[in-house]
């Protein structure tokens, strides 16, 4: 993964920027995608099964209520930097809201996604996956 991202940066002339300048909703935007990719990767690598089963399982893990529960479990384990990004995302005022989520779940999920996006753009993949694993626990999948 690391070398592919280096190639991505080179091929598209992408420059590293100060991550503190990104809006929390921009971080959440990319964090949503990378978190879903992590979940889908885990599910697919655990075994081949019908796509509708994969979709149902992935959907149950990436929905706002599941992310909210995950971040509640993770919050005591976050570094100050991670907590700061999470809070910025949680407190951001989004123009949209999930259809089947409470406002508090949606805000916590947005904070979680912002933190995932921050770690991804920071290229701290180990910590990102570690947090997902701790948040999900062994029995989730």
C-alpha atoms as a PDB file:
ATOM      1  CA  UNK A   1       0.000   0.000   0.000  1.00  0.00           C
ATOM      2  CA  UNK A   2       2.773   2.431   0.876  1.00  0.00           C
ATOM      3  CA  UNK A   3       4.534   2.204  -2.495  1.00  0.00           C
ATOM      4  CA  UNK A   4       1.245   2.504  -4.388  1.00  0.00           C
ATOM      5  CA  UNK A   5       0.450   5.727  -2.584  1.00  0.00           C
ATOM      6  CA  UNK A   6       3.912   7.051  -3.302  1.00  0.00           C
ATOM      7  CA  UNK A   7       3.280   6.284  -6.989  1.00  0.00           C
ATOM      8  CA  UNK A   8      -0.105   8.014  -6.733  1.00  0.00           C
ATOM      9  CA  UNK A   9       1.598  11.131  -5.385  1.00  0.00           C
ATOM     10  CA  UNK A  10       4.265  11.032  -8.092  1.00  0.00           C
ATOM     11  CA  UNK A  11       1.957  10.326 -11.035  1.00  0.00           C
ATOM     12  CA  UNK A  12      -0.515  13.041 -10.108  1.00  0.00           C
ATOM     13  CA  UNK A  13       2.054  15.508  -8.699  1.00  0.00           C
ATOM     14  CA  UNK A  14       0.293  15.549  -5.336  1.00  0.00           C
ATOM     15  CA  UNK A  15       1.967  17.688  -2.714  1.00  0.00           C
ATOM     16  CA  UNK A  16       1.880  17.095   1.009  1.00  0.00           C
ATOM     17  CA  UNK A  17      -0.024  19.852   2.773  1.00  0.00           C
ATOM     18  CA  UNK A  18      -0.435  20.830   6.371  1.00  0.00           C
ATOM     19  CA  UNK A  19      -3.242  18.552   7.507  1.00  0.00           C
ATOM     20  CA  UNK A  20      -4.406  21.134  10.038  1.00  0.00           C
ATOM     21  CA  UNK A  21      -5.565  23.299   7.127  1.00  0.00           C
ATOM     22  CA  UNK A  22      -8.114  20.743   5.903  1.00  0.00           C
ATOM     23  CA  UNK A  23     -11.687  21.279   6.985  1.00  0.00           C
ATOM     24  CA  UNK A  24     -13.021  18.525   9.250  1.00  0.00           C
ATOM     25  CA  UNK A  25     -15.706  17.700   6.681  1.00  0.00           C
ATOM     26  CA  UNK A  26     -13.052  17.232   3.992  1.00  0.00           C
ATOM     27  CA  UNK A  27     -11.203  14.868   6.317  1.00  0.00           C
ATOM     28  CA  UNK A  28     -14.492  13.049   6.992  1.00  0.00           C
ATOM     29  CA  UNK A  29     -15.126  12.783   3.246  1.00  0.00           C
ATOM     30  CA  UNK A  30     -11.935  10.832   2.614  1.00  0.00           C
ATOM     31  CA  UNK A  31     -12.167   9.063   5.972  1.00  0.00           C
ATOM     32  CA  UNK A  32     -15.581   7.674   5.050  1.00  0.00           C
ATOM     33  CA  UNK A  33     -14.134   6.130   1.889  1.00  0.00           C
ATOM     34  CA  UNK A  34     -11.011   4.707   3.491  1.00  0.00           C
ATOM     35  CA  UNK A  35     -12.940   3.263   6.455  1.00  0.00           C
ATOM     36  CA  UNK A  36     -15.356   1.538   4.082  1.00  0.00           C
ATOM     37  CA  UNK A  37     -12.426   0.208   2.056  1.00  0.00           C
ATOM     38  CA  UNK A  38     -10.840  -1.217   5.210  1.00  0.00           C
ATOM     39  CA  UNK A  39     -14.105  -2.916   6.201  1.00  0.00           C
ATOM     40  CA  UNK A  40     -14.696  -4.291   2.701  1.00  0.00           C
ATOM     41  CA  UNK A  41     -11.109  -5.577   2.550  1.00  0.00           C
ATOM     42  CA  UNK A  42     -11.480  -7.372   5.882  1.00  0.00           C
ATOM     43  CA  UNK A  43     -14.776  -8.963   4.845  1.00  0.00           C
ATOM     44  CA  UNK A  44     -13.559 -10.090   1.427  1.00  0.00           C
ATOM     45  CA  UNK A  45     -10.278 -11.458   2.782  1.00  0.00           C
ATOM     46  CA  UNK A  46     -12.171 -13.396   5.485  1.00  0.00           C
ATOM     47  CA  UNK A  47     -13.783 -15.495   2.782  1.00  0.00           C
ATOM     48  CA  UNK A  48     -15.561 -15.557  -0.519  1.00  0.00           C
ATOM     49  CA  UNK A  49     -19.334 -15.247  -0.171  1.00  0.00           C
ATOM     50  CA  UNK A  50     -22.241 -13.744  -2.102  1.00  0.00           C
ATOM     51  CA  UNK A  51     -21.963 -10.004  -2.699  1.00  0.00           C
ATOM     52  CA  UNK A  52     -25.318  -9.289  -1.064  1.00  0.00           C
ATOM     53  CA  UNK A  53     -24.018 -10.861   2.161  1.00  0.00           C
ATOM     54  CA  UNK A  54     -20.848  -8.780   1.932  1.00  0.00           C
ATOM     55  CA  UNK A  55     -22.907  -5.644   1.371  1.00  0.00           C
ATOM     56  CA  UNK A  56     -25.223  -6.314   4.327  1.00  0.00           C
ATOM     57  CA  UNK A  57     -22.304  -6.995   6.653  1.00  0.00           C
ATOM     58  CA  UNK A  58     -20.329  -3.976   5.450  1.00  0.00           C
ATOM     59  CA  UNK A  59     -23.374  -1.716   5.718  1.00  0.00           C
ATOM     60  CA  UNK A  60     -23.947  -2.772   9.310  1.00  0.00           C
ATOM     61  CA  UNK A  61     -20.355  -1.823  10.176  1.00  0.00           C
ATOM     62  CA  UNK A  62     -20.096   1.499   8.338  1.00  0.00           C
ATOM     63  CA  UNK A  63     -23.430   3.019   9.352  1.00  0.00           C
ATOM     64  CA  UNK A  64     -23.387   6.014  11.671  1.00  0.00           C
ATOM     65  CA  UNK A  65     -24.619   4.125  14.743  1.00  0.00           C
ATOM     66  CA  UNK A  66     -21.856   1.511  14.393  1.00  0.00           C
ATOM     67  CA  UNK A  67     -19.177   4.178  13.945  1.00  0.00           C
ATOM     68  CA  UNK A  68     -20.579   6.092  16.910  1.00  0.00           C
ATOM     69  CA  UNK A  69     -20.382   2.987  19.111  1.00  0.00           C
ATOM     70  CA  UNK A  70     -16.862   2.323  17.878  1.00  0.00           C
ATOM     71  CA  UNK A  71     -15.580   5.806  18.663  1.00  0.00           C
ATOM     72  CA  UNK A  72     -17.154   5.688  22.142  1.00  0.00           C
ATOM     73  CA  UNK A  73     -15.084   2.591  22.824  1.00  0.00           C
ATOM     74  CA  UNK A  74     -11.954   4.174  21.308  1.00  0.00           C
ATOM     75  CA  UNK A  75     -12.136   7.629  22.854  1.00  0.00           C
ATOM     76  CA  UNK A  76     -10.097   6.801  25.997  1.00  0.00           C
ATOM     77  CA  UNK A  77      -7.343   5.315  23.789  1.00  0.00           C
ATOM     78  CA  UNK A  78      -6.968   8.280  21.424  1.00  0.00           C
ATOM     79  CA  UNK A  79      -3.900  10.478  21.417  1.00  0.00           C
ATOM     80  CA  UNK A  80      -4.393  14.206  21.995  1.00  0.00           C
ATOM     81  CA  UNK A  81      -3.892  14.801  18.273  1.00  0.00           C
ATOM     82  CA  UNK A  82      -6.499  12.158  17.317  1.00  0.00           C
ATOM     83  CA  UNK A  83      -8.941  13.460  19.931  1.00  0.00           C
ATOM     84  CA  UNK A  84      -8.556  16.992  18.606  1.00  0.00           C
ATOM     85  CA  UNK A  85      -9.323  15.915  15.016  1.00  0.00           C
ATOM     86  CA  UNK A  86     -12.237  13.769  16.210  1.00  0.00           C
ATOM     87  CA  UNK A  87     -13.742  16.704  18.128  1.00  0.00           C
ATOM     88  CA  UNK A  88     -13.315  19.048  15.160  1.00  0.00           C
ATOM     89  CA  UNK A  89     -15.193  16.548  12.975  1.00  0.00           C
ATOM     90  CA  UNK A  90     -17.848  15.880  15.592  1.00  0.00           C
ATOM     91  CA  UNK A  91     -18.517  19.593  16.068  1.00  0.00           C
ATOM     92  CA  UNK A  92     -18.520  20.482  12.360  1.00  0.00           C
ATOM     93  CA  UNK A  93     -21.847  21.609  11.002  1.00  0.00           C
ATOM     94  CA  UNK A  94     -22.681  19.384   8.065  1.00  0.00           C
ATOM     95  CA  UNK A  95     -25.355  20.464   5.587  1.00  0.00           C
ATOM     96  CA  UNK A  96     -26.629  16.868   5.419  1.00  0.00           C
ATOM     97  CA  UNK A  97     -27.479  14.112   7.856  1.00  0.00           C
ATOM     98  CA  UNK A  98     -27.785  10.347   7.575  1.00  0.00           C
ATOM     99  CA  UNK A  99     -31.320   9.108   6.975  1.00  0.00           C
ATOM    100  CA  UNK A 100     -31.372   6.487   9.699  1.00  0.00           C
ATOM    101  CA  UNK A 101     -29.209   8.020  12.409  1.00  0.00           C
ATOM    102  CA  UNK A 102     -29.694  10.216  15.431  1.00  0.00           C
ATOM    103  CA  UNK A 103     -27.992  13.597  15.338  1.00  0.00           C
ATOM    104  CA  UNK A 104     -25.564  12.553  18.090  1.00  0.00           C
ATOM    105  CA  UNK A 105     -24.630   9.299  16.305  1.00  0.00           C
ATOM    106  CA  UNK A 106     -24.175  11.180  13.043  1.00  0.00           C
ATOM    107  CA  UNK A 107     -21.913  13.780  14.648  1.00  0.00           C
ATOM    108  CA  UNK A 108     -19.764  11.167  16.409  1.00  0.00           C
ATOM    109  CA  UNK A 109     -19.535   9.189  13.154  1.00  0.00           C
ATOM    110  CA  UNK A 110     -18.440  12.328  11.313  1.00  0.00           C
ATOM    111  CA  UNK A 111     -15.764  12.861  13.961  1.00  0.00           C
ATOM    112  CA  UNK A 112     -14.616   9.263  13.573  1.00  0.00           C
ATOM    113  CA  UNK A 113     -14.452   9.617   9.780  1.00  0.00           C
ATOM    114  CA  UNK A 114     -12.503  12.887  10.106  1.00  0.00           C
ATOM    115  CA  UNK A 115      -9.991  11.120  12.327  1.00  0.00           C
ATOM    116  CA  UNK A 116      -9.695   8.229   9.851  1.00  0.00           C
ATOM    117  CA  UNK A 117      -9.185  10.718   7.014  1.00  0.00           C
ATOM    118  CA  UNK A 118      -6.548  12.552   9.007  1.00  0.00           C
ATOM    119  CA  UNK A 119      -4.630   9.349   9.763  1.00  0.00           C
ATOM    120  CA  UNK A 120      -4.909   8.278   6.124  1.00  0.00           C
ATOM    121  CA  UNK A 121      -3.591  11.573   4.753  1.00  0.00           C
ATOM    122  CA  UNK A 122      -0.894  11.520   7.431  1.00  0.00           C
ATOM    123  CA  UNK A 123      -0.023   8.062   6.059  1.00  0.00           C
ATOM    124  CA  UNK A 124      -0.294   6.508   9.509  1.00  0.00           C
ATOM    125  CA  UNK A 125      -1.910   3.327   8.201  1.00  0.00           C
ATOM    126  CA  UNK A 126      -0.754   1.217  11.129  1.00  0.00           C
ATOM    127  CA  UNK A 127      -2.554   3.415  13.647  1.00  0.00           C
ATOM    128  CA  UNK A 128      -5.634   3.638  11.439  1.00  0.00           C
ATOM    129  CA  UNK A 129      -5.969  -0.150  11.224  1.00  0.00           C
ATOM    130  CA  UNK A 130      -5.091  -0.552  14.900  1.00  0.00           C
ATOM    131  CA  UNK A 131      -7.951   1.770  15.897  1.00  0.00           C
ATOM    132  CA  UNK A 132     -10.395  -0.057  13.624  1.00  0.00           C
ATOM    133  CA  UNK A 133      -9.357  -3.379  15.139  1.00  0.00           C
ATOM    134  CA  UNK A 134      -9.647  -2.107  18.719  1.00  0.00           C
ATOM    135  CA  UNK A 135     -12.966  -0.463  17.981  1.00  0.00           C
ATOM    136  CA  UNK A 136     -14.459  -3.534  16.364  1.00  0.00           C
ATOM    137  CA  UNK A 137     -13.177  -6.106  18.813  1.00  0.00           C
ATOM    138  CA  UNK A 138     -12.552  -9.725  17.943  1.00  0.00           C
ATOM    139  CA  UNK A 139     -16.178 -10.839  17.885  1.00  0.00           C
ATOM    140  CA  UNK A 140     -17.538  -8.197  15.475  1.00  0.00           C
ATOM    141  CA  UNK A 141     -16.693 -10.011  12.267  1.00  0.00           C
END
